[in-house]
Amino acid sequence: MLRLTVFIFITLLAGCASGPKGVECAGEVTTLYGQPMGQTQAKIFDLVSAFTVSRDGVQVQSGTLQSLDRFKYVPSAVTAEGYYAQRLSDKQFRLINPYQDTMITWTCP
């Protein structure tokens, strides 16, 4: 009985301790003015108030997304790399790199 209790406790603890599951998402690469530049793929880890984009071993963390009014303004943040990160919806995420005139919008299943 003690073994079963310990097993259940460890199983529950492991389930609670696991991190967010990443989702493979398709991305559209454009210029800041919307000129198409191609397609990409990345794994998005959605934390609701933040997200992480991971591709080819490189990760970009959005930081805490903020909005004065989520019904009027897109929750956004500036990453440590200087990119502008936006959560467009529960399935769409965007990183904007103003230095290279590039914007990537990922749409997740």
PDB file of N, CA and C in Angstrom:
ATOM      1  N   MET A   1       0.827  -1.187   0.000  1.00  0.00           N
ATOM      2  CA  MET A   1       0.000   0.000   0.000  1.00  0.00           C
ATOM      3  C   MET A   1       0.880   1.262   0.000  1.00  0.00           C
ATOM      4  N   LEU A   2       1.952   1.229   0.796  1.00  0.00           N
ATOM      5  CA  LEU A   2       2.853   2.384   0.868  1.00  0.00           C
ATOM      6  C   LEU A   2       3.498   2.642  -0.494  1.00  0.00           C
ATOM      7  N   ARG A   3       3.884   1.551  -1.185  1.00  0.00           N
ATOM      8  CA  ARG A   3       4.485   1.705  -2.510  1.00  0.00           C
ATOM      9  C   ARG A   3       3.513   2.379  -3.485  1.00  0.00           C
ATOM     10  N   LEU A   4       2.273   1.954  -3.441  1.00  0.00           N
ATOM     11  CA  LEU A   4       1.263   2.530  -4.320  1.00  0.00           C
ATOM     12  C   LEU A   4       1.070   4.006  -4.026  1.00  0.00           C
ATOM     13  N   THR A   5       1.028   4.384  -2.750  1.00  0.00           N
ATOM     14  CA  THR A   5       0.871   5.783  -2.362  1.00  0.00           C
ATOM     15  C   THR A   5       2.058   6.606  -2.839  1.00  0.00           C
ATOM     16  N   VAL A   6       3.264   6.097  -2.661  1.00  0.00           N
ATOM     17  CA  VAL A   6       4.472   6.799  -3.103  1.00  0.00           C
ATOM     18  C   VAL A   6       4.470   6.935  -4.625  1.00  0.00           C
ATOM     19  N   PHE A   7       4.091   5.865  -5.335  1.00  0.00           N
ATOM     20  CA  PHE A   7       4.039   5.904  -6.791  1.00  0.00           C
ATOM     21  C   PHE A   7       3.049   6.967  -7.273  1.00  0.00           C
ATOM     22  N   ILE A   8       1.865   7.008  -6.695  1.00  0.00           N
ATOM     23  CA  ILE A   8       0.850   7.998  -7.085  1.00  0.00           C
ATOM     24  C   ILE A   8       1.350   9.406  -6.790  1.00  0.00           C
ATOM     25  N   PHE A   9       1.968   9.613  -5.643  1.00  0.00           N
ATOM     26  CA  PHE A   9       2.489  10.933  -5.276  1.00  0.00           C
ATOM     27  C   PHE A   9       3.561  11.388  -6.265  1.00  0.00           C
ATOM     28  N   ILE A  10       4.479  10.494  -6.602  1.00  0.00           N
ATOM     29  CA  ILE A  10       5.560  10.852  -7.536  1.00  0.00           C
ATOM     30  C   ILE A  10       4.990  11.130  -8.925  1.00  0.00           C
ATOM     31  N   THR A  11       4.005  10.339  -9.356  1.00  0.00           N
ATOM     32  CA  THR A  11       3.378  10.554 -10.647  1.00  0.00           C
ATOM     33  C   THR A  11       2.682  11.913 -10.707  1.00  0.00           C
ATOM     34  N   LEU A  12       1.949  12.242  -9.664  1.00  0.00           N
ATOM     35  CA  LEU A  12       1.272  13.542  -9.617  1.00  0.00           C
ATOM     36  C   LEU A  12       2.273  14.686  -9.586  1.00  0.00           C
ATOM     37  N   LEU A  13       3.327  14.528  -8.819  1.00  0.00           N
ATOM     38  CA  LEU A  13       4.356  15.551  -8.719  1.00  0.00           C
ATOM     39  C   LEU A  13       5.047  15.755 -10.069  1.00  0.00           C
ATOM     40  N   ALA A  14       5.338  14.682 -10.774  1.00  0.00           N
ATOM     41  CA  ALA A  14       5.986  14.785 -12.085  1.00  0.00           C
ATOM     42  C   ALA A  14       5.059  15.475 -13.086  1.00  0.00           C
ATOM     43  N   GLY A  15       3.776  15.183 -13.013  1.00  0.00           N
ATOM     44  CA  GLY A  15       2.811  15.828 -13.910  1.00  0.00           C
ATOM     45  C   GLY A  15       2.720  17.315 -13.657  1.00  0.00           C
ATOM     46  N   CYS A  16       2.788  17.739 -12.423  1.00  0.00           N
ATOM     47  CA  CYS A  16       2.709  19.164 -12.088  1.00  0.00           C
ATOM     48  C   CYS A  16       3.999  19.893 -12.412  1.00  0.00           C
ATOM     49  N   ALA A  17       5.115  19.186 -12.372  1.00  0.00           N
ATOM     50  CA  ALA A  17       6.407  19.832 -12.563  1.00  0.00           C
ATOM     51  C   ALA A  17       6.796  19.968 -14.025  1.00  0.00           C
ATOM     52  N   SER A  18       6.087  19.278 -14.917  1.00  0.00           N
ATOM     53  CA  SER A  18       6.483  19.347 -16.318  1.00  0.00           C
ATOM     54  C   SER A  18       6.227  20.747 -16.870  1.00  0.00           C
ATOM     55  N   GLY A  19       7.088  21.172 -17.769  1.00  0.00           N
ATOM     56  CA  GLY A  19       6.977  22.506 -18.353  1.00  0.00           C
ATOM     57  C   GLY A  19       5.940  22.541 -19.446  1.00  0.00           C
ATOM     58  N   PRO A  20       5.778  23.695 -20.060  1.00  0.00           N
ATOM     59  CA  PRO A  20       4.791  23.828 -21.136  1.00  0.00           C
ATOM     60  C   PRO A  20       5.211  23.003 -22.340  1.00  0.00           C
ATOM     61  N   LYS A  21       4.235  22.473 -23.026  1.00  0.00           N
ATOM     62  CA  LYS A  21       4.492  21.677 -24.220  1.00  0.00           C
ATOM     63  C   LYS A  21       4.570  22.616 -25.419  1.00  0.00           C
ATOM     64  N   GLY A  22       5.620  22.476 -26.190  1.00  0.00           N
ATOM     65  CA  GLY A  22       5.754  23.283 -27.390  1.00  0.00           C
ATOM     66  C   GLY A  22       4.916  22.723 -28.522  1.00  0.00           C
ATOM     67  N   VAL A  23       4.496  23.588 -29.423  1.00  0.00           N
ATOM     68  CA  VAL A  23       3.690  23.210 -30.576  1.00  0.00           C
ATOM     69  C   VAL A  23       4.401  23.679 -31.835  1.00  0.00           C
ATOM     70  N   GLU A  24       4.520  22.788 -32.832  1.00  0.00           N
ATOM     71  CA  GLU A  24       5.100  23.160 -34.122  1.00  0.00           C
ATOM     72  C   GLU A  24       4.120  24.067 -34.858  1.00  0.00           C
ATOM     73  N   CYS A  25       4.599  25.230 -35.263  1.00  0.00           N
ATOM     74  CA  CYS A  25       3.733  26.216 -35.909  1.00  0.00           C
ATOM     75  C   CYS A  25       4.361  26.698 -37.217  1.00  0.00           C
ATOM     76  N   ALA A  26       3.512  26.942 -38.196  1.00  0.00           N
ATOM     77  CA  ALA A  26       3.961  27.470 -39.484  1.00  0.00           C
ATOM     78  C   ALA A  26       4.073  28.984 -39.383  1.00  0.00           C
ATOM     79  N   GLY A  27       5.134  29.530 -39.976  1.00  0.00           N
ATOM     80  CA  GLY A  27       5.346  30.971 -39.922  1.00  0.00           C
ATOM     81  C   GLY A  27       5.462  31.588 -41.296  1.00  0.00           C
ATOM     82  N   GLU A  28       4.935  32.789 -41.417  1.00  0.00           N
ATOM     83  CA  GLU A  28       5.051  33.558 -42.651  1.00  0.00           C
ATOM     84  C   GLU A  28       6.020  34.712 -42.405  1.00  0.00           C
ATOM     85  N   VAL A  29       7.047  34.806 -43.235  1.00  0.00           N
ATOM     86  CA  VAL A  29       8.055  35.851 -43.117  1.00  0.00           C
ATOM     87  C   VAL A  29       7.723  36.948 -44.115  1.00  0.00           C
ATOM     88  N   THR A  30       7.650  38.184 -43.622  1.00  0.00           N
ATOM     89  CA  THR A  30       7.368  39.328 -44.490  1.00  0.00           C
ATOM     90  C   THR A  30       8.248  40.506 -44.078  1.00  0.00           C
ATOM     91  N   THR A  31       8.259  41.531 -44.928  1.00  0.00           N
ATOM     92  CA  THR A  31       8.885  42.791 -44.530  1.00  0.00           C
ATOM     93  C   THR A  31       7.898  43.502 -43.597  1.00  0.00           C
ATOM     94  N   LEU A  32       8.311  44.596 -43.011  1.00  0.00           N
ATOM     95  CA  LEU A  32       7.420  45.346 -42.132  1.00  0.00           C
ATOM     96  C   LEU A  32       6.213  45.897 -42.874  1.00  0.00           C
ATOM     97  N   TYR A  33       6.344  46.061 -44.191  1.00  0.00           N
ATOM     98  CA  TYR A  33       5.236  46.558 -44.999  1.00  0.00           C
ATOM     99  C   TYR A  33       4.388  45.438 -45.586  1.00  0.00           C
ATOM    100  N   GLY A  34       4.689  44.185 -45.220  1.00  0.00           N
ATOM    101  CA  GLY A  34       3.873  43.057 -45.649  1.00  0.00           C
ATOM    102  C   GLY A  34       4.309  42.363 -46.916  1.00  0.00           C
ATOM    103  N   GLN A  35       5.460  42.725 -47.462  1.00  0.00           N
ATOM    104  CA  GLN A  35       5.978  42.073 -48.663  1.00  0.00           C
ATOM    105  C   GLN A  35       6.409  40.641 -48.299  1.00  0.00           C
ATOM    106  N   PRO A  36       5.846  39.592 -48.941  1.00  0.00           N
ATOM    107  CA  PRO A  36       6.207  38.208 -48.613  1.00  0.00           C
ATOM    108  C   PRO A  36       7.684  37.925 -48.843  1.00  0.00           C
ATOM    109  N   MET A  37       8.285  37.182 -47.912  1.00  0.00           N
ATOM    110  CA  MET A  37       9.690  36.808 -48.025  1.00  0.00           C
ATOM    111  C   MET A  37       9.897  35.298 -47.907  1.00  0.00           C
ATOM    112  N   GLY A  38       8.857  34.570 -47.515  1.00  0.00           N
ATOM    113  CA  GLY A  38       9.002  33.120 -47.417  1.00  0.00           C
ATOM    114  C   GLY A  38       8.242  32.537 -46.238  1.00  0.00           C
ATOM    115  N   GLN A  39       8.516  31.271 -46.008  1.00  0.00           N
ATOM    116  CA  GLN A  39       7.862  30.515 -44.939  1.00  0.00           C
ATOM    117  C   GLN A  39       8.916  29.972 -43.981  1.00  0.00           C
ATOM    118  N   THR A  40       8.490  29.663 -42.759  1.00  0.00           N
ATOM    119  CA  THR A  40       9.379  29.071 -41.768  1.00  0.00           C
ATOM    120  C   THR A  40       8.561  28.218 -40.817  1.00  0.00           C
ATOM    121  N   GLN A  41       9.221  27.460 -39.992  1.00  0.00           N
ATOM    122  CA  GLN A  41       8.595  26.636 -38.951  1.00  0.00           C
ATOM    123  C   GLN A  41       9.321  26.921 -37.644  1.00  0.00           C
ATOM    124  N   ALA A  42       8.599  26.829 -36.539  1.00  0.00           N
ATOM    125  CA  ALA A  42       9.215  26.966 -35.224  1.00  0.00           C
ATOM    126  C   ALA A  42       8.330  26.295 -34.196  1.00  0.00           C
ATOM    127  N   LYS A  43       8.900  26.003 -33.058  1.00  0.00           N
ATOM    128  CA  LYS A  43       8.130  25.461 -31.946  1.00  0.00           C
ATOM    129  C   LYS A  43       7.808  26.622 -31.017  1.00  0.00           C
ATOM    130  N   ILE A  44       6.521  26.786 -30.700  1.00  0.00           N
ATOM    131  CA  ILE A  44       6.062  27.867 -29.828  1.00  0.00           C
ATOM    132  C   ILE A  44       5.674  27.266 -28.479  1.00  0.00           C
ATOM    133  N   PHE A  45       6.212  27.839 -27.412  1.00  0.00           N
ATOM    134  CA  PHE A  45       5.854  27.462 -26.047  1.00  0.00           C
ATOM    135  C   PHE A  45       5.000  28.607 -25.504  1.00  0.00           C
ATOM    136  N   ASP A  46       3.714  28.366 -25.376  1.00  0.00           N
ATOM    137  CA  ASP A  46       2.753  29.396 -24.982  1.00  0.00           C
ATOM    138  C   ASP A  46       2.545  29.374 -23.467  1.00  0.00           C
ATOM    139  N   LEU A  47       2.846  30.487 -22.813  1.00  0.00           N
ATOM    140  CA  LEU A  47       2.650  30.626 -21.371  1.00  0.00           C
ATOM    141  C   LEU A  47       1.555  31.638 -21.049  1.00  0.00           C
ATOM    142  N   VAL A  48       0.729  32.000 -22.006  1.00  0.00           N
ATOM    143  CA  VAL A  48      -0.371  32.957 -21.934  1.00  0.00           C
ATOM    144  C   VAL A  48       0.138  34.388 -21.753  1.00  0.00           C
ATOM    145  N   SER A  49       0.865  34.682 -20.696  1.00  0.00           N
ATOM    146  CA  SER A  49       1.367  36.039 -20.493  1.00  0.00           C
ATOM    147  C   SER A  49       2.768  36.227 -21.090  1.00  0.00           C
ATOM    148  N   ALA A  50       3.272  35.175 -21.752  1.00  0.00           N
ATOM    149  CA  ALA A  50       4.576  35.211 -22.421  1.00  0.00           C
ATOM    150  C   ALA A  50       4.628  34.017 -23.372  1.00  0.00           C
ATOM    151  N   PHE A  51       5.589  34.044 -24.287  1.00  0.00           N
ATOM    152  CA  PHE A  51       5.804  32.878 -25.149  1.00  0.00           C
ATOM    153  C   PHE A  51       7.273  32.798 -25.533  1.00  0.00           C
ATOM    154  N   THR A  52       7.672  31.597 -25.945  1.00  0.00           N
ATOM    155  CA  THR A  52       9.033  31.358 -26.395  1.00  0.00           C
ATOM    156  C   THR A  52       8.977  30.731 -27.774  1.00  0.00           C
ATOM    157  N   VAL A  53       9.832  31.214 -28.670  1.00  0.00           N
ATOM    158  CA  VAL A  53       9.965  30.656 -30.007  1.00  0.00           C
ATOM    159  C   VAL A  53      11.283  29.902 -30.044  1.00  0.00           C
ATOM    160  N   SER A  54      11.235  28.639 -30.495  1.00  0.00           N
ATOM    161  CA  SER A  54      12.435  27.819 -30.548  1.00  0.00           C
ATOM    162  C   SER A  54      12.589  27.233 -31.944  1.00  0.00           C
ATOM    163  N   ARG A  55      13.798  27.409 -32.493  1.00  0.00           N
ATOM    164  CA  ARG A  55      14.084  26.867 -33.817  1.00  0.00           C
ATOM    165  C   ARG A  55      15.584  26.644 -33.945  1.00  0.00           C
ATOM    166  N   ASP A  56      15.954  25.463 -34.425  1.00  0.00           N
ATOM    167  CA  ASP A  56      17.360  25.118 -34.660  1.00  0.00           C
ATOM    168  C   ASP A  56      18.232  25.381 -33.434  1.00  0.00           C
ATOM    169  N   GLY A  57      17.715  25.078 -32.248  1.00  0.00           N
ATOM    170  CA  GLY A  57      18.485  25.236 -31.017  1.00  0.00           C
ATOM    171  C   GLY A  57      18.562  26.660 -30.491  1.00  0.00           C
ATOM    172  N   VAL A  58      17.922  27.609 -31.170  1.00  0.00           N
ATOM    173  CA  VAL A  58      17.917  29.004 -30.728  1.00  0.00           C
ATOM    174  C   VAL A  58      16.535  29.326 -30.157  1.00  0.00           C
ATOM    175  N   GLN A  59      16.523  29.994 -29.010  1.00  0.00           N
ATOM    176  CA  GLN A  59      15.256  30.371 -28.377  1.00  0.00           C
ATOM    177  C   GLN A  59      15.186  31.877 -28.196  1.00  0.00           C
ATOM    178  N   VAL A  60      13.993  32.424 -28.447  1.00  0.00           N
ATOM    179  CA  VAL A  60      13.722  33.837 -28.181  1.00  0.00           C
ATOM    180  C   VAL A  60      12.525  33.880 -27.247  1.00  0.00           C
ATOM    181  N   GLN A  61      12.719  34.510 -26.093  1.00  0.00           N
ATOM    182  CA  GLN A  61      11.647  34.629 -25.111  1.00  0.00           C
ATOM    183  C   GLN A  61      11.032  36.020 -25.208  1.00  0.00           C
ATOM    184  N   SER A  62       9.713  36.062 -25.242  1.00  0.00           N
ATOM    185  CA  SER A  62       9.027  37.343 -25.416  1.00  0.00           C
ATOM    186  C   SER A  62       9.157  38.252 -24.199  1.00  0.00           C
ATOM    187  N   GLY A  63       9.278  37.683 -23.027  1.00  0.00           N
ATOM    188  CA  GLY A  63       9.162  38.477 -21.808  1.00  0.00           C
ATOM    189  C   GLY A  63       7.677  38.629 -21.499  1.00  0.00           C
ATOM    190  N   THR A  64       7.350  39.311 -20.445  1.00  0.00           N
ATOM    191  CA  THR A  64       5.953  39.465 -20.048  1.00  0.00           C
ATOM    192  C   THR A  64       5.211  40.369 -21.015  1.00  0.00           C
ATOM    193  N   LEU A  65       4.163  39.820 -21.631  1.00  0.00           N
ATOM    194  CA  LEU A  65       3.355  40.579 -22.580  1.00  0.00           C
ATOM    195  C   LEU A  65       2.394  41.474 -21.820  1.00  0.00           C
ATOM    196  N   GLN A  66       2.304  42.721 -22.240  1.00  0.00           N
ATOM    197  CA  GLN A  66       1.445  43.672 -21.545  1.00  0.00           C
ATOM    198  C   GLN A  66       0.547  44.418 -22.514  1.00  0.00           C
ATOM    199  N   SER A  67      -0.621  44.826 -22.009  1.00  0.00           N
ATOM    200  CA  SER A  67      -1.574  45.605 -22.780  1.00  0.00           C
ATOM    201  C   SER A  67      -2.419  46.409 -21.807  1.00  0.00           C
ATOM    202  N   LEU A  68      -2.653  47.672 -22.117  1.00  0.00           N
ATOM    203  CA  LEU A  68      -3.508  48.486 -21.256  1.00  0.00           C
ATOM    204  C   LEU A  68      -4.947  47.985 -21.281  1.00  0.00           C
ATOM    205  N   ASP A  69      -5.377  47.505 -22.432  1.00  0.00           N
ATOM    206  CA  ASP A  69      -6.726  46.973 -22.602  1.00  0.00           C
ATOM    207  C   ASP A  69      -6.639  45.877 -23.652  1.00  0.00           C
ATOM    208  N   ARG A  70      -6.710  44.615 -23.250  1.00  0.00           N
ATOM    209  CA  ARG A  70      -6.534  43.495 -24.173  1.00  0.00           C
ATOM    210  C   ARG A  70      -7.595  43.446 -25.262  1.00  0.00           C
ATOM    211  N   PHE A  71      -8.717  44.158 -25.091  1.00  0.00           N
ATOM    212  CA  PHE A  71      -9.744  44.184 -26.127  1.00  0.00           C
ATOM    213  C   PHE A  71      -9.426  45.222 -27.203  1.00  0.00           C
ATOM    214  N   LYS A  72      -8.570  46.190 -26.882  1.00  0.00           N
ATOM    215  CA  LYS A  72      -8.212  47.238 -27.838  1.00  0.00           C
ATOM    216  C   LYS A  72      -6.778  47.109 -28.355  1.00  0.00           C
ATOM    217  N   TYR A  73      -5.855  46.659 -27.495  1.00  0.00           N
ATOM    218  CA  TYR A  73      -4.435  46.662 -27.830  1.00  0.00           C
ATOM    219  C   TYR A  73      -3.848  45.258 -27.760  1.00  0.00           C
ATOM    220  N   VAL A  74      -2.978  44.940 -28.704  1.00  0.00           N
ATOM    221  CA  VAL A  74      -2.327  43.638 -28.759  1.00  0.00           C
ATOM    222  C   VAL A  74      -1.300  43.528 -27.620  1.00  0.00           C
ATOM    223  N   PRO A  75      -1.381  42.464 -26.802  1.00  0.00           N
ATOM    224  CA  PRO A  75      -0.364  42.274 -25.762  1.00  0.00           C
ATOM    225  C   PRO A  75       1.014  42.126 -26.408  1.00  0.00           C
ATOM    226  N   SER A  76       1.975  42.898 -25.912  1.00  0.00           N
ATOM    227  CA  SER A  76       3.288  42.905 -26.544  1.00  0.00           C
ATOM    228  C   SER A  76       4.388  43.172 -25.528  1.00  0.00           C
ATOM    229  N   ALA A  77       5.624  42.939 -25.986  1.00  0.00           N
ATOM    230  CA  ALA A  77       6.814  43.159 -25.157  1.00  0.00           C
ATOM    231  C   ALA A  77       8.004  43.327 -26.093  1.00  0.00           C
ATOM    232  N   VAL A  78       9.109  43.796 -25.541  1.00  0.00           N
ATOM    233  CA  VAL A  78      10.362  43.873 -26.284  1.00  0.00           C
ATOM    234  C   VAL A  78      11.278  42.801 -25.710  1.00  0.00           C
ATOM    235  N   THR A  79      11.814  41.945 -26.579  1.00  0.00           N
ATOM    236  CA  THR A  79      12.677  40.856 -26.136  1.00  0.00           C
ATOM    237  C   THR A  79      14.060  41.379 -25.763  1.00  0.00           C
ATOM    238  N   ALA A  80      14.848  40.525 -25.144  1.00  0.00           N
ATOM    239  CA  ALA A  80      16.223  40.898 -24.783  1.00  0.00           C
ATOM    240  C   ALA A  80      17.056  41.211 -26.022  1.00  0.00           C
ATOM    241  N   GLU A  81      16.691  40.607 -27.168  1.00  0.00           N
ATOM    242  CA  GLU A  81      17.409  40.838 -28.419  1.00  0.00           C
ATOM    243  C   GLU A  81      16.967  42.118 -29.119  1.00  0.00           C
ATOM    244  N   GLY A  82      15.915  42.749 -28.605  1.00  0.00           N
ATOM    245  CA  GLY A  82      15.419  43.978 -29.210  1.00  0.00           C
ATOM    246  C   GLY A  82      14.294  43.775 -30.205  1.00  0.00           C
ATOM    247  N   TYR A  83      13.756  42.560 -30.279  1.00  0.00           N
ATOM    248  CA  TYR A  83      12.618  42.295 -31.160  1.00  0.00           C
ATOM    249  C   TYR A  83      11.335  42.708 -30.462  1.00  0.00           C
ATOM    250  N   TYR A  84      10.325  43.016 -31.249  1.00  0.00           N
ATOM    251  CA  TYR A  84       9.001  43.349 -30.732  1.00  0.00           C
ATOM    252  C   TYR A  84       8.176  42.076 -30.799  1.00  0.00           C
ATOM    253  N   ALA A  85       7.700  41.573 -29.664  1.00  0.00           N
ATOM    254  CA  ALA A  85       6.940  40.328 -29.597  1.00  0.00           C
ATOM    255  C   ALA A  85       5.471  40.647 -29.355  1.00  0.00           C
ATOM    256  N   GLN A  86       4.596  39.979 -30.099  1.00  0.00           N
ATOM    257  CA  GLN A  86       3.159  40.205 -29.965  1.00  0.00           C
ATOM    258  C   GLN A  86       2.422  38.875 -29.894  1.00  0.00           C
ATOM    259  N   ARG A  87       1.395  38.836 -29.067  1.00  0.00           N
ATOM    260  CA  ARG A  87       0.462  37.703 -29.028  1.00  0.00           C
ATOM    261  C   ARG A  87      -0.801  38.195 -29.717  1.00  0.00           C
ATOM    262  N   LEU A  88      -1.014  37.779 -30.968  1.00  0.00           N
ATOM    263  CA  LEU A  88      -2.140  38.262 -31.756  1.00  0.00           C
ATOM    264  C   LEU A  88      -3.445  37.579 -31.376  1.00  0.00           C
ATOM    265  N   SER A  89      -3.363  36.303 -30.986  1.00  0.00           N
ATOM    266  CA  SER A  89      -4.521  35.532 -30.542  1.00  0.00           C
ATOM    267  C   SER A  89      -4.003  34.316 -29.791  1.00  0.00           C
ATOM    268  N   ASP A  90      -4.898  33.412 -29.426  1.00  0.00           N
ATOM    269  CA  ASP A  90      -4.431  32.214 -28.731  1.00  0.00           C
ATOM    270  C   ASP A  90      -3.710  31.256 -29.673  1.00  0.00           C
ATOM    271  N   LYS A  91      -3.739  31.531 -30.988  1.00  0.00           N
ATOM    272  CA  LYS A  91      -3.078  30.672 -31.973  1.00  0.00           C
ATOM    273  C   LYS A  91      -2.067  31.407 -32.844  1.00  0.00           C
ATOM    274  N   GLN A  92      -1.932  32.723 -32.682  1.00  0.00           N
ATOM    275  CA  GLN A  92      -1.004  33.490 -33.514  1.00  0.00           C
ATOM    276  C   GLN A  92      -0.042  34.316 -32.673  1.00  0.00           C
ATOM    277  N   PHE A  93       1.237  34.232 -33.082  1.00  0.00           N
ATOM    278  CA  PHE A  93       2.316  34.933 -32.379  1.00  0.00           C
ATOM    279  C   PHE A  93       3.191  35.615 -33.419  1.00  0.00           C
ATOM    280  N   ARG A  94       3.784  36.748 -33.048  1.00  0.00           N
ATOM    281  CA  ARG A  94       4.592  37.499 -34.006  1.00  0.00           C
ATOM    282  C   ARG A  94       5.851  38.026 -33.337  1.00  0.00           C
ATOM    283  N   LEU A  95       6.956  37.977 -34.096  1.00  0.00           N
ATOM    284  CA  LEU A  95       8.199  38.650 -33.727  1.00  0.00           C
ATOM    285  C   LEU A  95       8.538  39.617 -34.843  1.00  0.00           C
ATOM    286  N   ILE A  96       8.876  40.842 -34.468  1.00  0.00           N
ATOM    287  CA  ILE A  96       9.247  41.879 -35.435  1.00  0.00           C
ATOM    288  C   ILE A  96      10.689  42.280 -35.162  1.00  0.00           C
ATOM    289  N   ASN A  97      11.503  42.239 -36.215  1.00  0.00           N
ATOM    290  CA  ASN A  97      12.894  42.663 -36.118  1.00  0.00           C
ATOM    291  C   ASN A  97      13.037  43.951 -36.931  1.00  0.00           C
ATOM    292  N   PRO A  98      12.943  45.109 -36.285  1.00  0.00           N
ATOM    293  CA  PRO A  98      13.002  46.370 -37.026  1.00  0.00           C
ATOM    294  C   PRO A  98      14.361  46.627 -37.670  1.00  0.00           C
ATOM    295  N   TYR A  99      15.416  46.002 -37.138  1.00  0.00           N
ATOM    296  CA  TYR A  99      16.765  46.224 -37.655  1.00  0.00           C
ATOM    297  C   TYR A  99      16.962  45.580 -39.025  1.00  0.00           C
ATOM    298  N   GLN A 100      16.206  44.494 -39.289  1.00  0.00           N
ATOM    299  CA  GLN A 100      16.337  43.794 -40.570  1.00  0.00           C
ATOM    300  C   GLN A 100      15.059  43.886 -41.404  1.00  0.00           C
ATOM    301  N   ASP A 101      14.131  44.783 -41.029  1.00  0.00           N
ATOM    302  CA  ASP A 101      12.886  44.978 -41.775  1.00  0.00           C
ATOM    303  C   ASP A 101      12.169  43.639 -41.976  1.00  0.00           C
ATOM    304  N   THR A 102      12.073  42.847 -40.891  1.00  0.00           N
ATOM    305  CA  THR A 102      11.500  41.513 -40.967  1.00  0.00           C
ATOM    306  C   THR A 102      10.448  41.298 -39.898  1.00  0.00           C
ATOM    307  N   MET A 103       9.390  40.584 -40.299  1.00  0.00           N
ATOM    308  CA  MET A 103       8.314  40.246 -39.374  1.00  0.00           C
ATOM    309  C   MET A 103       7.934  38.783 -39.644  1.00  0.00           C
ATOM    310  N   ILE A 104       7.842  37.976 -38.573  1.00  0.00           N
ATOM    311  CA  ILE A 104       7.423  36.589 -38.720  1.00  0.00           C
ATOM    312  C   ILE A 104       6.156  36.396 -37.888  1.00  0.00           C
ATOM    313  N   THR A 105       5.121  35.887 -38.533  1.00  0.00           N
ATOM    314  CA  THR A 105       3.862  35.599 -37.856  1.00  0.00           C
ATOM    315  C   THR A 105       3.634  34.097 -37.899  1.00  0.00           C
ATOM    316  N   TRP A 106       3.583  33.469 -36.722  1.00  0.00           N
ATOM    317  CA  TRP A 106       3.359  32.035 -36.631  1.00  0.00           C
ATOM    318  C   TRP A 106       1.893  31.776 -36.322  1.00  0.00           C
ATOM    319  N   THR A 107       1.328  30.789 -37.003  1.00  0.00           N
ATOM    320  CA  THR A 107      -0.031  30.336 -36.740  1.00  0.00           C
ATOM    321  C   THR A 107       0.051  28.884 -36.296  1.00  0.00           C
ATOM    322  N   CYS A 108      -0.472  28.624 -35.110  1.00  0.00           N
ATOM    323  CA  CYS A 108      -0.395  27.296 -34.519  1.00  0.00           C
ATOM    324  C   CYS A 108      -1.722  26.544 -34.678  1.00  0.00           C
ATOM    325  N   PRO A 109      -1.635  25.227 -34.768  1.00  0.00           N
ATOM    326  CA  PRO A 109      -2.858  24.420 -34.903  1.00  0.00           C
ATOM    327  C   PRO A 109      -3.719  24.453 -33.645  1.00  0.00           C
TER     328      PRO A 109
END
